[in-house]
Amino acid sequence: VKDSGKFVYTTQDLPAFQQIYRYTMDQELRLAQLLQYGTQEELQAFLDELFEQNLRKLQLSDGMQKSFFTAVQNSALRSLSRFQLEKGAIHHETLNSPQELRAYLSQLQEATQRSLGIQAQEEKKQAVLAFIKEHYGEADLMIYPLCEELGCSESSLNRFIHEQLGLSFSDLLEKTRMEAACALLQRGGLTVKQTGYASDASFRRAFKRVMGVSPSDYLRAHRAEGSSQENP
């Protein structure tokens, strides 16, 4: 008996010939793995095995077959409870046949793997942003260490950054440096070394190109704005 809180039987509850379905913890774990990382073919092969054990070798009553389908369905939902699946992917319809269970788990597998793909993309994007935030002050910063960290090629990572963030690696790096430079200017503690530029001249050129004004003009405008807010 797998779930003693739900399925409790005695010999008096069932006819002498009646069998209880077979669905082990190992099989539940295998199903969870297949839903997350397996192919459709592997999932269907697993279900073939499960149906062979329960629907061909055992003489299950109609009620026991439905209990078996429900047990498989519920175990799949338990294993996926931590995922943010798209609306409508998880539903608790009653399954009455092997065909319905096959179709249900097939759809659940597709939704789960789409969710995993989206989650992996978000984690990769956050890794890119964290890398640039940590290293933007290095004058010779290149994309190659990030490629090694994420295990991908330069071209694929550049494509990913552009698709997810709308910028190239170099543009994203420059944007981060400018944001940091503005914050440092406002606090009065800017040094060129902190910005990641090799010289004061290269920093000033980059700042004016991105911000449209020189660092000194930006600072004067910021001070004037602060003064007007203090003295309306």
C-alpha atoms as a PDB file:
ATOM      1  CA  VAL A   1       0.000   0.000   0.000  1.00  0.00           C
ATOM      2  CA  LYS A   2       1.741   3.184  -1.183  1.00  0.00           C
ATOM      3  CA  ASP A   3      -0.300   5.913   0.473  1.00  0.00           C
ATOM      4  CA  SER A   4      -1.718   4.529   3.684  1.00  0.00           C
ATOM      5  CA  GLY A   5      -3.677   7.722   4.282  1.00  0.00           C
ATOM      6  CA  LYS A   6      -5.698   7.260   1.140  1.00  0.00           C
ATOM      7  CA  PHE A   7      -5.625   3.619   0.077  1.00  0.00           C
ATOM      8  CA  VAL A   8      -6.218   1.196   2.978  1.00  0.00           C
ATOM      9  CA  TYR A   9      -7.563  -2.257   2.195  1.00  0.00           C
ATOM     10  CA  THR A  10      -8.242  -5.474   4.044  1.00  0.00           C
ATOM     11  CA  THR A  11      -8.978  -8.883   2.579  1.00  0.00           C
ATOM     12  CA  GLN A  12     -12.665  -8.292   3.331  1.00  0.00           C
ATOM     13  CA  ASP A  13     -12.757  -5.194   1.123  1.00  0.00           C
ATOM     14  CA  LEU A  14     -11.955  -7.004  -2.115  1.00  0.00           C
ATOM     15  CA  PRO A  15     -13.066 -10.167  -3.854  1.00  0.00           C
ATOM     16  CA  ALA A  16     -10.623 -13.040  -3.536  1.00  0.00           C
ATOM     17  CA  PHE A  17      -9.486 -12.683  -7.167  1.00  0.00           C
ATOM     18  CA  GLN A  18      -9.048  -8.890  -7.067  1.00  0.00           C
ATOM     19  CA  GLN A  19      -5.533  -7.442  -7.409  1.00  0.00           C
ATOM     20  CA  ILE A  20      -4.231  -4.085  -6.125  1.00  0.00           C
ATOM     21  CA  TYR A  21      -2.382  -2.012  -8.713  1.00  0.00           C
ATOM     22  CA  ARG A  22       1.414  -1.911  -8.691  1.00  0.00           C
ATOM     23  CA  TYR A  23       3.055   1.539  -8.692  1.00  0.00           C
ATOM     24  CA  THR A  24       6.297   1.737  -6.715  1.00  0.00           C
ATOM     25  CA  MET A  25       8.280   4.678  -5.391  1.00  0.00           C
ATOM     26  CA  ASP A  26      11.026   3.944  -7.924  1.00  0.00           C
ATOM     27  CA  GLN A  27       8.486   4.205 -10.721  1.00  0.00           C
ATOM     28  CA  GLU A  28       7.208   7.495  -9.348  1.00  0.00           C
ATOM     29  CA  LEU A  29      10.749   8.888  -9.317  1.00  0.00           C
ATOM     30  CA  ARG A  30      11.328   7.659 -12.867  1.00  0.00           C
ATOM     31  CA  LEU A  31       8.163   9.392 -14.029  1.00  0.00           C
ATOM     32  CA  ALA A  32       9.243  12.660 -12.386  1.00  0.00           C
ATOM     33  CA  GLN A  33      12.590  12.513 -14.195  1.00  0.00           C
ATOM     34  CA  LEU A  34      10.948  11.726 -17.524  1.00  0.00           C
ATOM     35  CA  LEU A  35       8.518  14.619 -17.210  1.00  0.00           C
ATOM     36  CA  GLN A  36      11.387  17.036 -16.620  1.00  0.00           C
ATOM     37  CA  TYR A  37      14.175  15.710 -18.836  1.00  0.00           C
ATOM     38  CA  GLY A  38      12.931  12.771 -20.904  1.00  0.00           C
ATOM     39  CA  THR A  39      11.713  12.536 -24.476  1.00  0.00           C
ATOM     40  CA  GLN A  40       8.180  11.708 -25.570  1.00  0.00           C
ATOM     41  CA  GLU A  41       9.411   8.288 -26.714  1.00  0.00           C
ATOM     42  CA  GLU A  42      10.968   7.533 -23.316  1.00  0.00           C
ATOM     43  CA  LEU A  43       7.788   8.588 -21.527  1.00  0.00           C
ATOM     44  CA  GLN A  44       5.608   6.388 -23.719  1.00  0.00           C
ATOM     45  CA  ALA A  45       7.965   3.426 -23.248  1.00  0.00           C
ATOM     46  CA  PHE A  46       7.716   3.868 -19.477  1.00  0.00           C
ATOM     47  CA  LEU A  47       3.915   3.918 -19.700  1.00  0.00           C
ATOM     48  CA  ASP A  48       3.977   0.778 -21.867  1.00  0.00           C
ATOM     49  CA  GLU A  49       5.864  -0.945 -19.063  1.00  0.00           C
ATOM     50  CA  LEU A  50       3.485   0.366 -16.421  1.00  0.00           C
ATOM     51  CA  PHE A  51       0.399  -0.678 -18.357  1.00  0.00           C
ATOM     52  CA  GLU A  52       1.873  -4.117 -19.032  1.00  0.00           C
ATOM     53  CA  GLN A  53       2.285  -4.672 -15.293  1.00  0.00           C
ATOM     54  CA  ASN A  54      -1.108  -3.331 -14.269  1.00  0.00           C
ATOM     55  CA  LEU A  55      -3.567  -3.703 -17.115  1.00  0.00           C
ATOM     56  CA  ARG A  56      -2.407  -6.944 -18.706  1.00  0.00           C
ATOM     57  CA  LYS A  57      -0.754  -9.012 -15.991  1.00  0.00           C
ATOM     58  CA  LEU A  58      -3.143  -8.013 -13.189  1.00  0.00           C
ATOM     59  CA  GLN A  59      -6.892  -8.478 -13.215  1.00  0.00           C
ATOM     60  CA  LEU A  60      -7.810  -4.997 -12.031  1.00  0.00           C
ATOM     61  CA  SER A  61     -11.449  -4.069 -11.639  1.00  0.00           C
ATOM     62  CA  ASP A  62     -12.694  -0.892 -13.341  1.00  0.00           C
ATOM     63  CA  GLY A  63     -12.596   0.925 -10.026  1.00  0.00           C
ATOM     64  CA  MET A  64      -9.071  -0.228  -9.274  1.00  0.00           C
ATOM     65  CA  GLN A  65      -7.918   0.827 -12.754  1.00  0.00           C
ATOM     66  CA  LYS A  66      -9.252   4.340 -12.134  1.00  0.00           C
ATOM     67  CA  SER A  67      -7.488   4.379  -8.767  1.00  0.00           C
ATOM     68  CA  PHE A  68      -4.295   3.409 -10.563  1.00  0.00           C
ATOM     69  CA  PHE A  69      -4.684   6.225 -13.131  1.00  0.00           C
ATOM     70  CA  THR A  70      -5.388   8.699 -10.322  1.00  0.00           C
ATOM     71  CA  ALA A  71      -2.331   7.554  -8.350  1.00  0.00           C
ATOM     72  CA  VAL A  72      -0.048   8.095 -11.365  1.00  0.00           C
ATOM     73  CA  GLN A  73      -1.629  11.468 -12.095  1.00  0.00           C
ATOM     74  CA  ASN A  74      -1.299  12.669  -8.501  1.00  0.00           C
ATOM     75  CA  SER A  75       2.305  11.546  -8.219  1.00  0.00           C
ATOM     76  CA  ALA A  76       3.144  13.509 -11.385  1.00  0.00           C
ATOM     77  CA  LEU A  77       1.514  16.640  -9.977  1.00  0.00           C
ATOM     78  CA  ARG A  78       3.336  16.248  -6.658  1.00  0.00           C
ATOM     79  CA  SER A  79       6.692  16.003  -8.412  1.00  0.00           C
ATOM     80  CA  LEU A  80       5.994  19.207 -10.373  1.00  0.00           C
ATOM     81  CA  SER A  81       4.511  21.282  -7.565  1.00  0.00           C
ATOM     82  CA  ARG A  82       7.599  23.519  -7.333  1.00  0.00           C
ATOM     83  CA  PHE A  83       7.448  24.544 -11.001  1.00  0.00           C
ATOM     84  CA  GLN A  84       5.636  27.603 -12.268  1.00  0.00           C
ATOM     85  CA  LEU A  85       3.803  25.934 -15.119  1.00  0.00           C
ATOM     86  CA  GLU A  86       1.742  27.916 -17.589  1.00  0.00           C
ATOM     87  CA  LYS A  87      -1.924  28.445 -16.843  1.00  0.00           C
ATOM     88  CA  GLY A  88      -3.975  25.418 -17.810  1.00  0.00           C
ATOM     89  CA  ALA A  89      -1.034  22.984 -17.817  1.00  0.00           C
ATOM     90  CA  ILE A  90      -2.052  21.470 -14.489  1.00  0.00           C
ATOM     91  CA  HIS A  91      -5.637  20.350 -14.147  1.00  0.00           C
ATOM     92  CA  HIS A  92      -7.303  17.663 -12.090  1.00  0.00           C
ATOM     93  CA  GLU A  93      -9.579  16.030 -14.608  1.00  0.00           C
ATOM     94  CA  THR A  94     -10.589  12.429 -13.979  1.00  0.00           C
ATOM     95  CA  LEU A  95      -8.700   9.981 -16.186  1.00  0.00           C
ATOM     96  CA  ASN A  96     -10.617   6.879 -17.195  1.00  0.00           C
ATOM     97  CA  SER A  97      -8.388   5.092 -19.705  1.00  0.00           C
ATOM     98  CA  PRO A  98      -4.740   4.438 -20.612  1.00  0.00           C
ATOM     99  CA  GLN A  99      -5.153   6.696 -23.637  1.00  0.00           C
ATOM    100  CA  GLU A 100      -6.308   9.608 -21.471  1.00  0.00           C
ATOM    101  CA  LEU A 101      -3.394   9.107 -19.074  1.00  0.00           C
ATOM    102  CA  ARG A 102      -0.926   8.995 -21.990  1.00  0.00           C
ATOM    103  CA  ALA A 103      -2.278  12.236 -23.458  1.00  0.00           C
ATOM    104  CA  TYR A 104      -2.372  13.951 -20.060  1.00  0.00           C
ATOM    105  CA  LEU A 105       1.237  13.084 -19.160  1.00  0.00           C
ATOM    106  CA  SER A 106       2.443  13.980 -22.646  1.00  0.00           C
ATOM    107  CA  GLN A 107       0.990  17.475 -22.320  1.00  0.00           C
ATOM    108  CA  LEU A 108       2.363  17.783 -18.795  1.00  0.00           C
ATOM    109  CA  GLN A 109       5.833  16.831 -20.005  1.00  0.00           C
ATOM    110  CA  GLU A 110       5.755  19.496 -22.716  1.00  0.00           C
ATOM    111  CA  ALA A 111       4.616  22.189 -20.253  1.00  0.00           C
ATOM    112  CA  THR A 112       7.245  21.182 -17.692  1.00  0.00           C
ATOM    113  CA  GLN A 113      10.100  21.283 -20.160  1.00  0.00           C
ATOM    114  CA  ARG A 114       8.976  24.676 -21.493  1.00  0.00           C
ATOM    115  CA  SER A 115       8.983  25.949 -17.905  1.00  0.00           C
ATOM    116  CA  LEU A 116      12.468  24.544 -17.327  1.00  0.00           C
ATOM    117  CA  GLY A 117      13.689  26.241 -20.487  1.00  0.00           C
ATOM    118  CA  ILE A 118      12.318  29.608 -19.391  1.00  0.00           C
ATOM    119  CA  GLN A 119      13.805  29.151 -15.924  1.00  0.00           C
ATOM    120  CA  ALA A 120      17.208  28.256 -17.380  1.00  0.00           C
ATOM    121  CA  GLN A 121      17.123  31.351 -19.601  1.00  0.00           C
ATOM    122  CA  GLU A 122      16.328  33.586 -16.635  1.00  0.00           C
ATOM    123  CA  GLU A 123      19.162  32.071 -14.579  1.00  0.00           C
ATOM    124  CA  LYS A 124      21.571  32.570 -17.481  1.00  0.00           C
ATOM    125  CA  LYS A 125      20.461  36.189 -17.912  1.00  0.00           C
ATOM    126  CA  GLN A 126      20.979  36.878 -14.204  1.00  0.00           C
ATOM    127  CA  ALA A 127      24.441  35.280 -14.416  1.00  0.00           C
ATOM    128  CA  VAL A 128      25.367  37.653 -17.262  1.00  0.00           C
ATOM    129  CA  LEU A 129      24.172  40.716 -15.321  1.00  0.00           C
ATOM    130  CA  ALA A 130      25.936  39.601 -12.141  1.00  0.00           C
ATOM    131  CA  PHE A 131      29.209  39.004 -14.034  1.00  0.00           C
ATOM    132  CA  ILE A 132      29.182  42.478 -15.590  1.00  0.00           C
ATOM    133  CA  LYS A 133      28.191  44.137 -12.321  1.00  0.00           C
ATOM    134  CA  GLU A 134      31.081  42.425 -10.535  1.00  0.00           C
ATOM    135  CA  HIS A 135      33.761  43.028 -13.193  1.00  0.00           C
ATOM    136  CA  TYR A 136      32.800  46.238 -15.029  1.00  0.00           C
ATOM    137  CA  GLY A 137      35.686  48.112 -13.340  1.00  0.00           C
ATOM    138  CA  GLU A 138      38.277  45.931 -15.126  1.00  0.00           C
ATOM    139  CA  ALA A 139      39.645  47.884 -18.093  1.00  0.00           C
ATOM    140  CA  ASP A 140      40.420  44.775 -20.134  1.00  0.00           C
ATOM    141  CA  LEU A 141      37.160  42.926 -19.418  1.00  0.00           C
ATOM    142  CA  MET A 142      36.172  40.571 -22.246  1.00  0.00           C
ATOM    143  CA  ILE A 143      33.325  38.146 -22.822  1.00  0.00           C
ATOM    144  CA  TYR A 144      35.544  35.033 -22.864  1.00  0.00           C
ATOM    145  CA  PRO A 145      35.627  34.366 -19.072  1.00  0.00           C
ATOM    146  CA  LEU A 146      31.838  34.549 -19.026  1.00  0.00           C
ATOM    147  CA  CYS A 147      31.664  32.063 -21.910  1.00  0.00           C
ATOM    148  CA  GLU A 148      33.818  29.649 -19.929  1.00  0.00           C
ATOM    149  CA  GLU A 149      31.717  30.144 -16.814  1.00  0.00           C
ATOM    150  CA  LEU A 150      28.483  29.400 -18.695  1.00  0.00           C
ATOM    151  CA  GLY A 151      29.941  26.733 -20.983  1.00  0.00           C
ATOM    152  CA  CYS A 152      28.974  28.312 -24.305  1.00  0.00           C
ATOM    153  CA  SER A 153      30.581  29.903 -27.344  1.00  0.00           C
ATOM    154  CA  GLU A 154      31.105  33.639 -27.804  1.00  0.00           C
ATOM    155  CA  SER A 155      28.673  33.803 -30.731  1.00  0.00           C
ATOM    156  CA  SER A 156      25.877  31.940 -28.902  1.00  0.00           C
ATOM    157  CA  LEU A 157      26.311  34.038 -25.751  1.00  0.00           C
ATOM    158  CA  ASN A 158      26.320  37.297 -27.711  1.00  0.00           C
ATOM    159  CA  ARG A 159      23.151  36.164 -29.464  1.00  0.00           C
ATOM    160  CA  PHE A 160      21.560  35.241 -26.126  1.00  0.00           C
ATOM    161  CA  ILE A 161      22.447  38.619 -24.566  1.00  0.00           C
ATOM    162  CA  HIS A 162      21.032  40.492 -27.538  1.00  0.00           C
ATOM    163  CA  GLU A 163      17.808  38.435 -27.540  1.00  0.00           C
ATOM    164  CA  GLN A 164      17.251  38.706 -23.792  1.00  0.00           C
ATOM    165  CA  LEU A 165      18.550  42.206 -23.044  1.00  0.00           C
ATOM    166  CA  GLY A 166      18.430  43.982 -26.402  1.00  0.00           C
ATOM    167  CA  LEU A 167      22.136  44.917 -26.287  1.00  0.00           C
ATOM    168  CA  SER A 168      25.479  43.447 -27.268  1.00  0.00           C
ATOM    169  CA  PHE A 169      27.923  42.465 -24.522  1.00  0.00           C
ATOM    170  CA  SER A 170      30.037  45.569 -25.144  1.00  0.00           C
ATOM    171  CA  ASP A 171      26.989  47.880 -25.105  1.00  0.00           C
ATOM    172  CA  LEU A 172      25.707  46.273 -21.908  1.00  0.00           C
ATOM    173  CA  LEU A 173      29.144  46.674 -20.328  1.00  0.00           C
ATOM    174  CA  GLU A 174      29.298  50.335 -21.326  1.00  0.00           C
ATOM    175  CA  LYS A 175      25.767  50.965 -20.052  1.00  0.00           C
ATOM    176  CA  THR A 176      26.708  49.426 -16.677  1.00  0.00           C
ATOM    177  CA  ARG A 177      29.875  51.535 -16.495  1.00  0.00           C
ATOM    178  CA  MET A 178      27.936  54.716 -17.244  1.00  0.00           C
ATOM    179  CA  GLU A 179      25.324  53.957 -14.589  1.00  0.00           C
ATOM    180  CA  ALA A 180      28.105  53.400 -12.062  1.00  0.00           C
ATOM    181  CA  ALA A 181      29.893  56.580 -13.171  1.00  0.00           C
ATOM    182  CA  CYS A 182      26.733  58.656 -12.732  1.00  0.00           C
ATOM    183  CA  ALA A 183      26.193  57.261  -9.243  1.00  0.00           C
ATOM    184  CA  LEU A 184      29.823  57.980  -8.319  1.00  0.00           C
ATOM    185  CA  LEU A 185      29.636  61.513  -9.738  1.00  0.00           C
ATOM    186  CA  GLN A 186      26.530  62.213  -7.676  1.00  0.00           C
ATOM    187  CA  ARG A 187      28.313  61.027  -4.533  1.00  0.00           C
ATOM    188  CA  GLY A 188      31.453  63.008  -5.395  1.00  0.00           C
ATOM    189  CA  GLY A 189      33.725  59.987  -5.335  1.00  0.00           C
ATOM    190  CA  LEU A 190      34.418  59.205  -9.007  1.00  0.00           C
ATOM    191  CA  THR A 191      37.840  57.995 -10.119  1.00  0.00           C
ATOM    192  CA  VAL A 192      38.517  56.863 -13.680  1.00  0.00           C
ATOM    193  CA  LYS A 193      39.927  53.566 -12.399  1.00  0.00           C
ATOM    194  CA  GLN A 194      36.538  52.676 -10.903  1.00  0.00           C
ATOM    195  CA  THR A 195      34.794  53.047 -14.258  1.00  0.00           C
ATOM    196  CA  GLY A 196      36.885  50.479 -16.117  1.00  0.00           C
ATOM    197  CA  TYR A 197      38.295  52.961 -18.660  1.00  0.00           C
ATOM    198  CA  ALA A 198      42.014  53.077 -19.343  1.00  0.00           C
ATOM    199  CA  SER A 199      42.331  56.855 -19.250  1.00  0.00           C
ATOM    200  CA  ASP A 200      40.480  60.006 -18.283  1.00  0.00           C
ATOM    201  CA  ALA A 201      40.177  60.993 -21.950  1.00  0.00           C
ATOM    202  CA  SER A 202      38.606  57.674 -23.015  1.00  0.00           C
ATOM    203  CA  PHE A 203      36.156  57.876 -20.122  1.00  0.00           C
ATOM    204  CA  ARG A 204      35.122  61.438 -21.017  1.00  0.00           C
ATOM    205  CA  ARG A 205      34.599  60.516 -24.675  1.00  0.00           C
ATOM    206  CA  ALA A 206      32.492  57.494 -23.742  1.00  0.00           C
ATOM    207  CA  PHE A 207      30.474  59.450 -21.179  1.00  0.00           C
ATOM    208  CA  LYS A 208      29.611  62.222 -23.643  1.00  0.00           C
ATOM    209  CA  ARG A 209      28.718  59.715 -26.352  1.00  0.00           C
ATOM    210  CA  VAL A 210      26.334  57.794 -24.074  1.00  0.00           C
ATOM    211  CA  MET A 211      24.969  60.545 -21.830  1.00  0.00           C
ATOM    212  CA  GLY A 212      25.063  63.430 -24.342  1.00  0.00           C
ATOM    213  CA  VAL A 213      26.991  65.740 -21.980  1.00  0.00           C
ATOM    214  CA  SER A 214      30.427  65.824 -20.412  1.00  0.00           C
ATOM    215  CA  PRO A 215      30.902  64.482 -16.856  1.00  0.00           C
ATOM    216  CA  SER A 216      31.351  68.024 -15.523  1.00  0.00           C
ATOM    217  CA  ASP A 217      28.182  69.258 -17.237  1.00  0.00           C
ATOM    218  CA  TYR A 218      26.270  66.237 -15.930  1.00  0.00           C
ATOM    219  CA  LEU A 219      27.472  66.949 -12.381  1.00  0.00           C
ATOM    220  CA  ARG A 220      26.513  70.655 -12.606  1.00  0.00           C
ATOM    221  CA  ALA A 221      23.049  69.722 -13.879  1.00  0.00           C
ATOM    222  CA  HIS A 222      22.614  67.186 -11.083  1.00  0.00           C
ATOM    223  CA  ARG A 223      23.652  69.748  -8.425  1.00  0.00           C
ATOM    224  CA  ALA A 224      21.345  72.373  -9.904  1.00  0.00           C
ATOM    225  CA  GLU A 225      18.457  69.909  -9.862  1.00  0.00           C
ATOM    226  CA  GLY A 226      19.171  68.996  -6.251  1.00  0.00           C
ATOM    227  CA  SER A 227      19.335  72.663  -5.286  1.00  0.00           C
ATOM    228  CA  SER A 228      16.013  73.462  -6.947  1.00  0.00           C
ATOM    229  CA  GLN A 229      14.330  70.579  -5.108  1.00  0.00           C
ATOM    230  CA  GLU A 230      15.659  71.824  -1.777  1.00  0.00           C
ATOM    231  CA  ASN A 231      14.517  75.428  -2.497  1.00  0.00           C
ATOM    232  CA  PRO A 232      11.237  75.285  -4.418  1.00  0.00           C
END
